[in-house]
N, C-alpha and C. Protein backbone atom coordinates (compact mmCIF):
# COMPACT_ATOMS: atom_id res chain seq x y z
N MET A 1 88.32 91.82 105.85
CA MET A 1 89.32 92.41 105.02
C MET A 1 90.05 93.51 105.91
N SER A 2 91.33 93.48 105.88
CA SER A 2 92.11 94.41 106.69
C SER A 2 92.07 95.80 106.12
N HIS A 3 92.15 96.79 107.07
CA HIS A 3 92.26 98.20 106.75
C HIS A 3 93.56 98.68 107.28
N ASN A 4 93.98 99.92 106.91
CA ASN A 4 95.28 100.41 107.27
C ASN A 4 95.15 101.70 108.06
N VAL A 5 95.97 101.75 109.15
CA VAL A 5 96.02 103.01 109.95
C VAL A 5 97.47 103.38 110.23
N ILE A 6 97.79 104.73 110.08
CA ILE A 6 99.11 105.19 110.43
C ILE A 6 98.97 106.12 111.60
N VAL A 7 99.70 105.78 112.69
CA VAL A 7 99.65 106.63 113.93
C VAL A 7 100.98 107.35 114.02
N GLY A 8 100.92 108.67 114.17
CA GLY A 8 102.10 109.50 114.16
C GLY A 8 102.87 109.49 115.48
N GLY A 9 104.01 110.13 115.47
CA GLY A 9 104.84 110.27 116.61
C GLY A 9 104.53 111.55 117.44
N PHE A 10 105.45 111.77 118.34
CA PHE A 10 105.30 112.82 119.37
C PHE A 10 104.89 114.22 118.89
N ALA A 11 105.60 114.65 117.78
CA ALA A 11 105.46 116.03 117.31
C ALA A 11 104.70 116.17 115.99
N SER A 12 104.07 115.07 115.61
CA SER A 12 103.30 115.10 114.29
C SER A 12 101.88 115.55 114.51
N SER A 13 101.46 116.52 113.79
CA SER A 13 100.11 117.08 113.92
C SER A 13 99.10 116.24 113.20
N GLU A 14 97.79 116.60 113.45
CA GLU A 14 96.70 115.84 112.72
C GLU A 14 96.85 116.10 111.27
N ARG A 15 97.02 117.36 110.84
CA ARG A 15 97.12 117.70 109.46
C ARG A 15 98.26 117.01 108.75
N GLN A 16 99.41 116.95 109.48
CA GLN A 16 100.61 116.23 108.90
C GLN A 16 100.26 114.76 108.66
N MET A 17 99.62 114.13 109.61
CA MET A 17 99.33 112.73 109.48
C MET A 17 98.33 112.44 108.42
N GLU A 18 97.46 113.39 108.08
CA GLU A 18 96.55 113.24 106.90
C GLU A 18 97.35 113.25 105.65
N VAL A 19 98.40 114.06 105.56
CA VAL A 19 99.24 114.00 104.34
C VAL A 19 99.99 112.75 104.19
N VAL A 20 100.53 112.22 105.33
CA VAL A 20 101.29 110.95 105.29
C VAL A 20 100.35 109.82 104.96
N ALA A 21 99.18 109.82 105.51
CA ALA A 21 98.22 108.76 105.18
C ALA A 21 97.84 108.78 103.70
N SER A 22 97.70 109.96 103.15
CA SER A 22 97.40 110.09 101.73
C SER A 22 98.53 109.52 100.87
N ALA A 23 99.81 109.84 101.25
CA ALA A 23 100.93 109.31 100.54
C ALA A 23 101.01 107.84 100.58
N LEU A 24 100.72 107.24 101.73
CA LEU A 24 100.84 105.77 101.80
C LEU A 24 99.65 105.13 101.08
N ALA A 25 98.48 105.79 101.10
CA ALA A 25 97.33 105.26 100.31
C ALA A 25 97.69 105.21 98.81
N THR A 26 98.37 106.26 98.29
CA THR A 26 98.76 106.30 96.94
C THR A 26 99.77 105.17 96.66
N TYR A 27 100.74 104.98 97.58
CA TYR A 27 101.84 104.00 97.37
C TYR A 27 101.16 102.58 97.25
N TYR A 28 100.30 102.24 98.25
CA TYR A 28 99.76 100.91 98.31
C TYR A 28 98.49 100.69 97.52
N ASP A 29 97.91 101.85 96.99
CA ASP A 29 96.56 101.83 96.35
C ASP A 29 95.52 101.22 97.29
N GLU A 30 95.58 101.59 98.57
CA GLU A 30 94.65 101.22 99.56
C GLU A 30 94.30 102.42 100.47
N GLU A 31 93.21 102.36 101.21
CA GLU A 31 92.79 103.36 102.05
C GLU A 31 93.62 103.36 103.36
N PHE A 32 93.99 104.56 103.81
CA PHE A 32 94.68 104.71 105.09
C PHE A 32 94.00 105.79 105.92
N ASP A 33 93.90 105.53 107.26
CA ASP A 33 93.46 106.53 108.20
C ASP A 33 94.72 107.09 108.85
N GLY A 34 94.86 108.39 109.02
CA GLY A 34 95.97 109.06 109.65
C GLY A 34 95.57 109.60 110.94
N ILE A 35 96.29 109.25 112.02
CA ILE A 35 95.98 109.72 113.40
C ILE A 35 97.22 110.26 114.09
N SER A 36 97.17 111.40 114.75
CA SER A 36 98.31 111.93 115.40
C SER A 36 98.51 111.16 116.72
N PHE A 37 99.68 111.28 117.33
CA PHE A 37 100.03 110.61 118.59
C PHE A 37 99.02 111.14 119.70
N ARG A 38 98.86 112.48 119.72
CA ARG A 38 98.05 113.08 120.72
C ARG A 38 96.55 112.54 120.60
N GLU A 39 96.08 112.47 119.39
CA GLU A 39 94.70 111.91 119.24
C GLU A 39 94.60 110.48 119.71
N ALA A 40 95.65 109.65 119.34
CA ALA A 40 95.63 108.30 119.66
C ALA A 40 95.69 108.06 121.20
N MET A 41 96.55 108.81 121.86
CA MET A 41 96.67 108.61 123.26
C MET A 41 95.51 109.18 124.02
N GLY A 42 94.72 110.09 123.41
CA GLY A 42 93.56 110.62 124.06
C GLY A 42 92.25 109.87 123.79
N ASP A 43 92.30 108.86 122.97
CA ASP A 43 91.09 108.14 122.56
C ASP A 43 91.44 106.63 122.37
N LYS A 44 91.70 105.98 123.52
CA LYS A 44 92.09 104.62 123.45
C LYS A 44 90.95 103.73 122.94
N GLU A 45 89.69 104.15 123.22
CA GLU A 45 88.54 103.36 122.71
C GLU A 45 88.57 103.30 121.18
N ARG A 46 88.83 104.47 120.57
CA ARG A 46 88.87 104.57 119.11
C ARG A 46 90.01 103.68 118.51
N ILE A 47 91.13 103.76 119.17
CA ILE A 47 92.29 102.93 118.72
C ILE A 47 92.00 101.46 118.87
N GLY A 48 91.32 101.01 119.89
CA GLY A 48 90.99 99.64 120.12
C GLY A 48 90.04 99.18 119.13
N SER A 49 89.09 100.07 118.68
CA SER A 49 88.10 99.71 117.71
C SER A 49 88.77 99.66 116.32
N LEU A 50 89.67 100.60 115.99
CA LEU A 50 90.36 100.54 114.74
C LEU A 50 91.28 99.35 114.57
N ALA A 51 91.76 98.80 115.71
CA ALA A 51 92.70 97.70 115.70
C ALA A 51 92.15 96.44 115.07
N ARG A 52 90.83 96.25 115.15
CA ARG A 52 90.23 95.08 114.68
C ARG A 52 90.43 94.90 113.14
N ASP A 53 91.04 93.85 112.77
CA ASP A 53 91.37 93.56 111.32
C ASP A 53 92.17 94.69 110.65
N ALA A 54 93.15 95.24 111.38
CA ALA A 54 93.86 96.35 110.86
C ALA A 54 95.31 96.05 110.77
N ASN A 55 95.94 96.76 109.77
CA ASN A 55 97.40 96.84 109.74
C ASN A 55 97.76 98.18 110.33
N PHE A 56 98.45 98.18 111.42
CA PHE A 56 98.83 99.41 112.15
C PHE A 56 100.21 99.81 111.76
N TYR A 57 100.40 100.93 111.07
CA TYR A 57 101.68 101.47 110.77
C TYR A 57 101.88 102.54 111.87
N THR A 58 103.10 102.64 112.39
CA THR A 58 103.38 103.69 113.42
C THR A 58 104.67 104.33 113.10
N HIS A 59 104.70 105.59 113.56
CA HIS A 59 106.02 106.29 113.55
C HIS A 59 106.43 106.67 114.97
N SER A 60 107.65 106.34 115.35
CA SER A 60 108.21 106.71 116.65
C SER A 60 107.32 106.33 117.79
N ALA A 61 106.89 107.32 118.60
CA ALA A 61 106.15 107.01 119.76
C ALA A 61 104.77 106.46 119.47
N GLY A 62 104.33 106.51 118.16
CA GLY A 62 103.10 105.95 117.81
C GLY A 62 102.87 104.50 118.21
N MET A 63 103.98 103.75 118.38
CA MET A 63 103.86 102.33 118.69
C MET A 63 103.30 102.18 120.13
N ILE A 64 103.58 103.20 120.99
CA ILE A 64 103.09 103.08 122.36
C ILE A 64 101.58 103.20 122.37
N ALA A 65 101.03 103.98 121.43
CA ALA A 65 99.56 104.22 121.44
C ALA A 65 98.77 102.99 121.07
N ILE A 66 99.48 102.00 120.48
CA ILE A 66 98.65 100.79 120.06
C ILE A 66 98.87 99.57 120.96
N ARG A 67 99.59 99.85 122.11
CA ARG A 67 99.77 98.82 123.17
C ARG A 67 98.40 98.29 123.53
N HIS A 68 98.35 96.99 123.89
CA HIS A 68 97.11 96.33 124.35
C HIS A 68 96.05 96.29 123.31
N THR A 69 96.40 96.34 122.05
CA THR A 69 95.47 96.14 120.95
C THR A 69 95.93 94.92 120.18
N SER A 70 95.05 94.35 119.37
CA SER A 70 95.36 93.14 118.65
C SER A 70 95.08 93.36 117.11
N PRO A 71 95.87 94.10 116.44
CA PRO A 71 95.72 94.23 115.00
C PRO A 71 96.21 92.98 114.27
N ASP A 72 96.06 92.96 113.00
CA ASP A 72 96.59 91.87 112.18
C ASP A 72 98.05 92.00 112.05
N ALA A 73 98.56 93.25 111.89
CA ALA A 73 99.94 93.46 111.73
C ALA A 73 100.44 94.85 112.30
N ILE A 74 101.63 94.86 112.77
CA ILE A 74 102.24 96.10 113.21
C ILE A 74 103.47 96.41 112.38
N ILE A 75 103.58 97.55 111.78
CA ILE A 75 104.76 97.98 111.03
C ILE A 75 105.24 99.27 111.77
N ALA A 76 106.22 99.14 112.59
CA ALA A 76 106.68 100.30 113.44
C ALA A 76 107.98 100.87 112.86
N VAL A 77 108.01 102.12 112.39
CA VAL A 77 109.13 102.82 111.82
C VAL A 77 109.67 103.81 112.83
N ALA A 78 110.99 103.64 113.10
CA ALA A 78 111.77 104.49 114.06
C ALA A 78 111.13 104.38 115.44
N PRO A 79 110.83 103.18 115.94
CA PRO A 79 110.10 103.02 117.18
C PRO A 79 111.02 103.26 118.37
N PRO A 80 110.48 103.54 119.55
CA PRO A 80 111.24 103.89 120.72
C PRO A 80 112.04 102.77 121.30
N LEU A 81 113.17 103.11 121.86
CA LEU A 81 114.05 102.22 122.67
C LEU A 81 114.35 103.01 124.00
N PRO A 82 114.71 102.33 125.05
CA PRO A 82 114.98 103.01 126.28
C PRO A 82 116.06 104.07 126.18
N VAL A 83 115.84 105.26 126.62
CA VAL A 83 116.77 106.38 126.65
C VAL A 83 116.56 107.17 127.86
N LEU A 84 117.56 108.08 128.21
CA LEU A 84 117.41 108.99 129.31
C LEU A 84 116.44 110.04 128.94
N PRO A 85 115.48 110.39 129.82
CA PRO A 85 114.49 111.36 129.45
C PRO A 85 114.95 112.67 128.94
N HIS A 86 116.00 113.24 129.56
CA HIS A 86 116.48 114.53 129.14
C HIS A 86 117.13 114.47 127.72
N ASN A 87 117.75 113.35 127.44
CA ASN A 87 118.21 113.17 126.03
C ASN A 87 117.12 113.11 125.09
N LEU A 88 116.02 112.46 125.48
CA LEU A 88 114.88 112.34 124.53
C LEU A 88 114.29 113.67 124.20
N VAL A 89 114.18 114.56 125.25
CA VAL A 89 113.60 115.92 125.04
C VAL A 89 114.45 116.66 124.01
N ALA A 90 115.71 116.73 124.31
CA ALA A 90 116.65 117.53 123.44
C ALA A 90 116.66 116.99 121.99
N CYS A 91 116.75 115.69 121.83
CA CYS A 91 116.83 115.13 120.47
C CYS A 91 115.50 115.20 119.75
N THR A 92 114.36 115.06 120.50
CA THR A 92 113.05 115.15 119.89
C THR A 92 112.85 116.53 119.29
N ILE A 93 113.20 117.56 119.97
CA ILE A 93 113.00 118.97 119.51
C ILE A 93 113.90 119.19 118.34
N ALA A 94 115.19 118.77 118.41
CA ALA A 94 116.13 118.98 117.29
C ALA A 94 115.68 118.22 116.00
N SER A 95 115.24 117.03 116.26
CA SER A 95 114.88 116.12 115.10
C SER A 95 113.58 116.61 114.50
N ALA A 96 112.64 117.05 115.24
CA ALA A 96 111.34 117.46 114.76
C ALA A 96 111.41 118.77 113.89
N LEU A 97 112.36 119.63 114.26
CA LEU A 97 112.49 120.92 113.50
C LEU A 97 113.47 120.65 112.32
N GLU A 98 114.35 119.74 112.42
CA GLU A 98 115.38 119.53 111.37
C GLU A 98 114.68 118.99 110.11
N PHE A 99 113.68 118.13 110.28
CA PHE A 99 113.16 117.43 109.05
C PHE A 99 112.40 118.38 108.17
N THR A 100 111.96 119.56 108.61
CA THR A 100 111.14 120.38 107.71
C THR A 100 111.93 120.89 106.55
N ALA A 101 113.24 120.89 106.59
CA ALA A 101 114.07 121.42 105.50
C ALA A 101 113.82 120.67 104.20
N ASN A 102 113.72 119.39 104.23
CA ASN A 102 113.57 118.59 102.99
C ASN A 102 112.27 117.77 103.04
N SER A 103 111.23 118.22 103.57
CA SER A 103 110.04 117.46 103.81
C SER A 103 109.03 117.51 102.67
N VAL A 104 108.52 116.32 102.32
CA VAL A 104 107.36 116.32 101.42
C VAL A 104 106.19 117.09 101.99
N LEU A 105 106.06 117.04 103.26
CA LEU A 105 104.96 117.73 103.93
C LEU A 105 105.02 119.22 103.59
N CYS A 106 106.23 119.80 103.54
CA CYS A 106 106.35 121.23 103.23
C CYS A 106 105.93 121.53 101.80
N GLY A 107 106.12 120.57 100.93
CA GLY A 107 105.60 120.75 99.59
C GLY A 107 104.07 120.69 99.52
N GLU A 108 103.50 119.86 100.40
CA GLU A 108 102.00 119.64 100.40
C GLU A 108 101.37 120.76 101.21
N LEU A 109 101.91 121.16 102.39
CA LEU A 109 101.30 122.13 103.22
C LEU A 109 101.84 123.55 103.04
N GLY A 110 103.06 123.62 102.50
CA GLY A 110 103.73 124.89 102.45
C GLY A 110 104.72 124.98 103.61
N ASP A 111 105.88 125.61 103.45
CA ASP A 111 106.87 125.68 104.50
C ASP A 111 106.41 126.20 105.84
N ARG A 112 105.69 127.34 105.71
CA ARG A 112 105.23 127.94 106.94
C ARG A 112 104.24 127.08 107.70
N ALA A 113 103.34 126.48 106.97
CA ALA A 113 102.32 125.63 107.64
C ALA A 113 102.91 124.45 108.25
N CYS A 114 103.92 123.83 107.53
CA CYS A 114 104.62 122.72 107.99
C CYS A 114 105.33 122.92 109.31
N ILE A 115 106.13 123.98 109.36
CA ILE A 115 106.90 124.41 110.52
C ILE A 115 105.94 124.83 111.63
N HIS A 116 104.86 125.54 111.29
CA HIS A 116 103.94 126.00 112.28
C HIS A 116 103.28 124.76 112.98
N ASP A 117 102.91 123.79 112.19
CA ASP A 117 102.26 122.63 112.77
C ASP A 117 103.21 121.91 113.74
N THR A 118 104.46 121.77 113.40
CA THR A 118 105.43 121.04 114.29
C THR A 118 105.57 121.85 115.55
N ILE A 119 105.82 123.11 115.44
CA ILE A 119 106.01 123.96 116.66
C ILE A 119 104.77 123.97 117.50
N TYR A 120 103.60 124.09 116.77
CA TYR A 120 102.35 124.13 117.60
C TYR A 120 102.14 122.78 118.34
N GLU A 121 102.46 121.68 117.71
CA GLU A 121 102.23 120.39 118.33
C GLU A 121 103.20 120.22 119.52
N LEU A 122 104.37 120.84 119.41
CA LEU A 122 105.39 120.71 120.55
C LEU A 122 104.99 121.61 121.66
N ILE A 123 104.61 122.88 121.33
CA ILE A 123 104.37 123.86 122.38
C ILE A 123 102.93 124.00 122.74
N GLY A 124 102.05 124.09 121.69
CA GLY A 124 100.63 124.38 121.91
C GLY A 124 99.99 123.20 122.68
N HIS A 125 100.45 121.98 122.56
CA HIS A 125 99.93 120.87 123.26
C HIS A 125 100.97 120.30 124.15
N MET A 126 101.78 121.18 124.78
CA MET A 126 102.88 120.67 125.60
C MET A 126 102.49 119.74 126.68
N TYR A 127 101.46 120.12 127.46
CA TYR A 127 101.06 119.23 128.59
C TYR A 127 100.60 117.92 128.12
N GLY A 128 99.67 117.92 127.08
CA GLY A 128 99.12 116.65 126.57
C GLY A 128 100.12 115.79 125.97
N ASN A 129 101.24 116.30 125.48
CA ASN A 129 102.30 115.47 124.95
C ASN A 129 103.40 115.17 125.97
N MET A 130 103.78 116.14 126.74
CA MET A 130 104.96 115.99 127.65
C MET A 130 104.69 114.98 128.72
N LYS A 131 103.44 114.76 129.16
CA LYS A 131 103.15 113.81 130.16
C LYS A 131 103.45 112.39 129.77
N TRP A 132 103.68 112.16 128.39
CA TRP A 132 104.00 110.78 127.97
C TRP A 132 105.51 110.59 127.81
N LEU A 133 106.33 111.60 128.06
CA LEU A 133 107.78 111.50 127.77
C LEU A 133 108.36 110.34 128.62
N GLY A 134 107.99 110.20 129.82
CA GLY A 134 108.55 109.16 130.69
C GLY A 134 108.21 107.78 130.07
N HIS A 135 107.01 107.65 129.56
CA HIS A 135 106.62 106.37 128.97
C HIS A 135 107.38 106.07 127.74
N ILE A 136 107.60 107.11 126.92
CA ILE A 136 108.33 106.99 125.68
C ILE A 136 109.81 106.60 125.98
N ALA A 137 110.39 107.23 126.95
CA ALA A 137 111.80 107.04 127.27
C ALA A 137 112.07 105.64 127.74
N ALA A 138 111.02 105.06 128.43
CA ALA A 138 111.16 103.66 128.99
C ALA A 138 110.74 102.57 128.09
N PHE A 139 110.16 102.94 126.96
CA PHE A 139 109.49 101.91 126.09
C PHE A 139 110.53 101.18 125.28
N ASP A 140 110.40 99.78 125.21
CA ASP A 140 111.33 98.97 124.53
C ASP A 140 110.54 98.32 123.37
N SER A 141 110.76 98.92 122.11
CA SER A 141 109.99 98.41 121.00
C SER A 141 110.40 97.04 120.63
N ILE A 142 111.63 96.66 120.89
CA ILE A 142 112.03 95.29 120.54
C ILE A 142 111.32 94.29 121.41
N GLN A 143 111.33 94.47 122.70
CA GLN A 143 110.67 93.60 123.57
C GLN A 143 109.16 93.55 123.28
N ALA A 144 108.57 94.74 123.00
CA ALA A 144 107.13 94.77 122.67
C ALA A 144 106.86 94.08 121.37
N GLY A 145 107.78 94.24 120.39
CA GLY A 145 107.62 93.58 119.14
C GLY A 145 107.67 92.11 119.20
N ILE A 146 108.65 91.58 120.05
CA ILE A 146 108.70 90.17 120.25
C ILE A 146 107.45 89.60 120.93
N ALA A 147 106.97 90.32 121.90
CA ALA A 147 105.70 89.93 122.54
C ALA A 147 104.55 89.90 121.61
N ALA A 148 104.43 90.92 120.70
CA ALA A 148 103.38 90.97 119.80
C ALA A 148 103.44 89.83 118.76
N GLN A 149 104.66 89.50 118.31
CA GLN A 149 104.90 88.41 117.35
C GLN A 149 104.45 87.09 118.05
N GLU A 150 104.90 86.96 119.28
CA GLU A 150 104.49 85.69 120.02
C GLU A 150 102.98 85.55 120.26
N ALA A 151 102.29 86.73 120.21
CA ALA A 151 100.88 86.69 120.41
C ALA A 151 100.10 86.51 119.05
N GLY A 152 100.88 86.29 117.97
CA GLY A 152 100.28 86.03 116.72
C GLY A 152 100.10 87.22 115.79
N ILE A 153 100.64 88.37 116.18
CA ILE A 153 100.53 89.63 115.42
C ILE A 153 101.80 89.76 114.60
N THR A 154 101.65 89.75 113.25
CA THR A 154 102.81 89.88 112.41
C THR A 154 103.45 91.25 112.70
N THR A 155 104.73 91.26 113.03
CA THR A 155 105.31 92.50 113.50
C THR A 155 106.63 92.82 112.80
N SER A 156 106.78 94.06 112.34
CA SER A 156 107.99 94.49 111.65
C SER A 156 108.46 95.80 112.44
N LEU A 157 109.78 95.85 112.65
CA LEU A 157 110.42 97.04 113.23
C LEU A 157 111.44 97.58 112.26
N ALA A 158 111.31 98.80 111.84
CA ALA A 158 112.28 99.44 110.87
C ALA A 158 112.94 100.62 111.59
N PHE A 159 114.17 100.38 111.94
CA PHE A 159 114.92 101.47 112.51
C PHE A 159 115.66 102.30 111.50
N MET A 160 115.94 103.50 111.81
CA MET A 160 116.60 104.43 110.82
C MET A 160 118.07 104.58 111.08
N GLU A 161 118.84 104.50 110.05
CA GLU A 161 120.29 104.46 110.18
C GLU A 161 120.88 105.66 110.87
N ARG A 162 120.27 106.90 110.64
CA ARG A 162 120.80 108.10 111.21
C ARG A 162 119.85 108.67 112.25
N ASP A 163 119.16 107.82 112.99
CA ASP A 163 118.25 108.28 113.99
C ASP A 163 118.96 108.91 115.20
N ARG A 164 118.59 110.11 115.53
CA ARG A 164 119.22 110.83 116.71
C ARG A 164 118.70 110.24 118.01
N LEU A 165 117.56 109.59 118.00
CA LEU A 165 116.86 109.20 119.20
C LEU A 165 117.04 107.73 119.59
N PHE A 166 116.79 106.85 118.66
CA PHE A 166 116.76 105.45 118.96
C PHE A 166 117.57 104.60 118.03
N GLN A 167 118.59 103.99 118.60
CA GLN A 167 119.53 103.12 117.83
C GLN A 167 119.58 101.74 118.52
N PRO A 168 119.09 100.71 117.91
CA PRO A 168 119.24 99.33 118.45
C PRO A 168 120.69 98.89 118.43
N ARG A 169 121.00 98.05 119.38
CA ARG A 169 122.32 97.34 119.36
C ARG A 169 122.16 96.13 118.42
N PRO A 170 123.27 95.78 117.76
CA PRO A 170 123.22 94.61 116.86
C PRO A 170 122.60 93.37 117.47
N GLU A 171 122.98 93.09 118.71
CA GLU A 171 122.48 91.86 119.33
C GLU A 171 121.00 91.93 119.56
N GLU A 172 120.44 93.13 119.69
CA GLU A 172 118.99 93.33 119.87
C GLU A 172 118.32 93.01 118.59
N LEU A 173 118.87 93.44 117.45
CA LEU A 173 118.23 93.10 116.15
C LEU A 173 118.24 91.59 115.93
N VAL A 174 119.35 90.96 116.26
CA VAL A 174 119.44 89.49 116.12
C VAL A 174 118.44 88.81 116.97
N ARG A 175 118.21 89.31 118.18
CA ARG A 175 117.25 88.65 119.12
C ARG A 175 115.86 88.82 118.54
N ALA A 176 115.54 90.01 117.97
CA ALA A 176 114.20 90.19 117.39
C ALA A 176 114.03 89.26 116.19
N ARG A 177 115.01 89.15 115.35
CA ARG A 177 114.91 88.33 114.12
C ARG A 177 114.71 86.88 114.49
N GLU A 178 115.47 86.45 115.54
CA GLU A 178 115.31 85.04 115.97
C GLU A 178 113.96 84.75 116.53
N SER A 179 113.24 85.78 116.98
CA SER A 179 111.91 85.61 117.52
C SER A 179 110.82 85.73 116.48
N GLY A 180 111.17 85.91 115.23
CA GLY A 180 110.26 86.01 114.16
C GLY A 180 109.86 87.39 113.70
N VAL A 181 110.40 88.44 114.41
CA VAL A 181 110.12 89.81 114.00
C VAL A 181 110.96 90.24 112.83
N TYR A 182 110.30 90.86 111.85
CA TYR A 182 111.05 91.45 110.69
C TYR A 182 111.73 92.67 111.17
N ALA A 183 112.99 92.64 111.40
CA ALA A 183 113.66 93.85 111.99
C ALA A 183 114.74 94.29 110.95
N VAL A 184 114.66 95.55 110.55
CA VAL A 184 115.58 96.10 109.54
C VAL A 184 116.09 97.47 109.95
N ILE A 185 117.15 97.84 109.26
CA ILE A 185 117.69 99.21 109.38
C ILE A 185 117.54 99.84 107.98
N LEU A 186 116.84 100.99 107.95
CA LEU A 186 116.64 101.67 106.69
C LEU A 186 117.49 102.97 106.62
N PRO A 187 117.78 103.43 105.41
CA PRO A 187 118.53 104.68 105.23
C PRO A 187 117.64 105.84 105.74
N GLY A 188 118.31 106.91 106.31
CA GLY A 188 117.56 108.08 106.67
C GLY A 188 117.59 108.36 108.18
N ALA A 189 117.02 109.53 108.50
CA ALA A 189 116.98 110.01 109.87
C ALA A 189 115.68 109.65 110.57
N HIS A 190 115.51 110.08 111.80
CA HIS A 190 114.30 109.68 112.58
C HIS A 190 113.01 110.05 111.90
N GLU A 191 112.95 111.24 111.35
CA GLU A 191 111.63 111.72 110.77
C GLU A 191 111.44 111.31 109.31
N GLN A 192 112.22 110.39 108.81
CA GLN A 192 112.18 110.05 107.38
C GLN A 192 110.74 109.64 106.91
N LEU A 193 109.99 108.87 107.67
CA LEU A 193 108.66 108.39 107.31
C LEU A 193 107.75 109.55 107.14
N ILE A 194 107.97 110.61 107.99
CA ILE A 194 107.10 111.77 107.90
C ILE A 194 107.47 112.68 106.78
N SER A 195 108.80 112.89 106.60
CA SER A 195 109.24 113.82 105.57
C SER A 195 109.25 113.23 104.22
N ALA A 196 109.39 111.91 104.05
CA ALA A 196 109.41 111.24 102.72
C ALA A 196 108.70 109.91 102.82
N PRO A 197 107.40 109.89 103.00
CA PRO A 197 106.69 108.66 103.33
C PRO A 197 106.80 107.56 102.24
N ARG A 198 106.57 107.99 101.01
CA ARG A 198 106.60 106.95 99.91
C ARG A 198 108.01 106.39 99.75
N ARG A 199 109.04 107.18 99.81
CA ARG A 199 110.40 106.67 99.71
C ARG A 199 110.78 105.79 100.84
N THR A 200 110.37 106.14 102.04
CA THR A 200 110.67 105.28 103.21
C THR A 200 109.96 103.94 103.14
N ILE A 201 108.72 103.95 102.84
CA ILE A 201 108.00 102.74 102.81
C ILE A 201 108.52 101.87 101.56
N ASP A 202 108.97 102.46 100.48
CA ASP A 202 109.49 101.78 99.33
C ASP A 202 110.80 101.01 99.82
N ALA A 203 111.58 101.70 100.56
CA ALA A 203 112.78 101.10 101.10
C ALA A 203 112.48 99.92 102.06
N TYR A 204 111.41 100.09 102.82
CA TYR A 204 111.04 99.03 103.74
C TYR A 204 110.51 97.84 102.96
N GLU A 205 109.64 98.04 101.98
CA GLU A 205 109.06 96.98 101.24
C GLU A 205 110.11 96.26 100.38
N ASN A 206 111.07 96.91 99.97
CA ASN A 206 112.18 96.28 99.08
C ASN A 206 113.34 95.88 99.87
N GLY A 207 113.32 95.89 101.23
CA GLY A 207 114.44 95.37 102.01
C GLY A 207 115.72 96.10 101.94
N VAL A 208 115.65 97.42 101.61
CA VAL A 208 116.89 98.21 101.59
C VAL A 208 117.35 98.47 102.99
N GLN A 209 118.51 97.95 103.35
CA GLN A 209 118.99 98.08 104.69
C GLN A 209 120.50 97.93 104.84
N PRO A 210 121.17 98.91 105.40
CA PRO A 210 122.62 98.83 105.55
C PRO A 210 122.96 97.94 106.77
N ASP A 211 123.16 96.70 106.54
CA ASP A 211 123.29 95.77 107.65
C ASP A 211 124.71 95.51 107.97
N ALA A 212 125.68 96.33 107.61
CA ALA A 212 127.04 96.10 107.90
C ALA A 212 127.25 96.02 109.44
N MET A 213 126.38 96.72 110.20
CA MET A 213 126.49 96.71 111.63
C MET A 213 126.32 95.33 112.24
N LEU A 214 125.70 94.40 111.52
CA LEU A 214 125.46 93.07 111.98
C LEU A 214 126.53 92.04 111.63
N ALA A 215 127.46 92.50 110.71
CA ALA A 215 128.39 91.49 110.14
C ALA A 215 129.22 90.82 111.13
N SER A 216 129.58 91.45 112.22
CA SER A 216 130.46 90.83 113.19
C SER A 216 129.77 89.74 114.03
N ILE A 217 128.44 89.73 114.03
CA ILE A 217 127.82 88.77 114.95
C ILE A 217 126.85 87.86 114.24
N VAL A 218 126.56 88.11 112.99
CA VAL A 218 125.64 87.26 112.23
C VAL A 218 126.36 86.30 111.33
């Protein structure tokens, strides 16, 4: 029987991921483990063990943490695409701080705790996180998703319509879909899964996607 794991992105704290995991558990009426990006990158043995018979949900850079594993399924929301490293740093900080204004997490943790967690994850664990920036900037989730699908792992890539960091080109989405990857564009910004997990997953499950960007080539 499969179990579910949600792996957070670059600036998501352990406490934030516990709240997101709880929200997804409520939505699906199934158990979820929540793991921060820093935790996942620091304990590859644990991630490899969790991957067995797992559905891996990831946010942003979290997809990097599950490389070289073989789960049953990968559902990657706002996953990385190749960008210039300096652009990644600036947009990551802006995006991470921006989402707290309308975040479900702030309702669960309180405004101060939510903002404190984000800042502490960015600054308090700067070395542990920053050393992965080059890997994140170079990571191609579409190519990785195609490779996973070809290896027999059911793979979904959900990009966000107003993502400051990662925007796929229409032809890349077509290539992913032609390879069997479920590739969609969902309403919202980069941090949408973290700030409104149930709403984001509901959009994903119900196929809500502004696909006008594909009209010219599909």
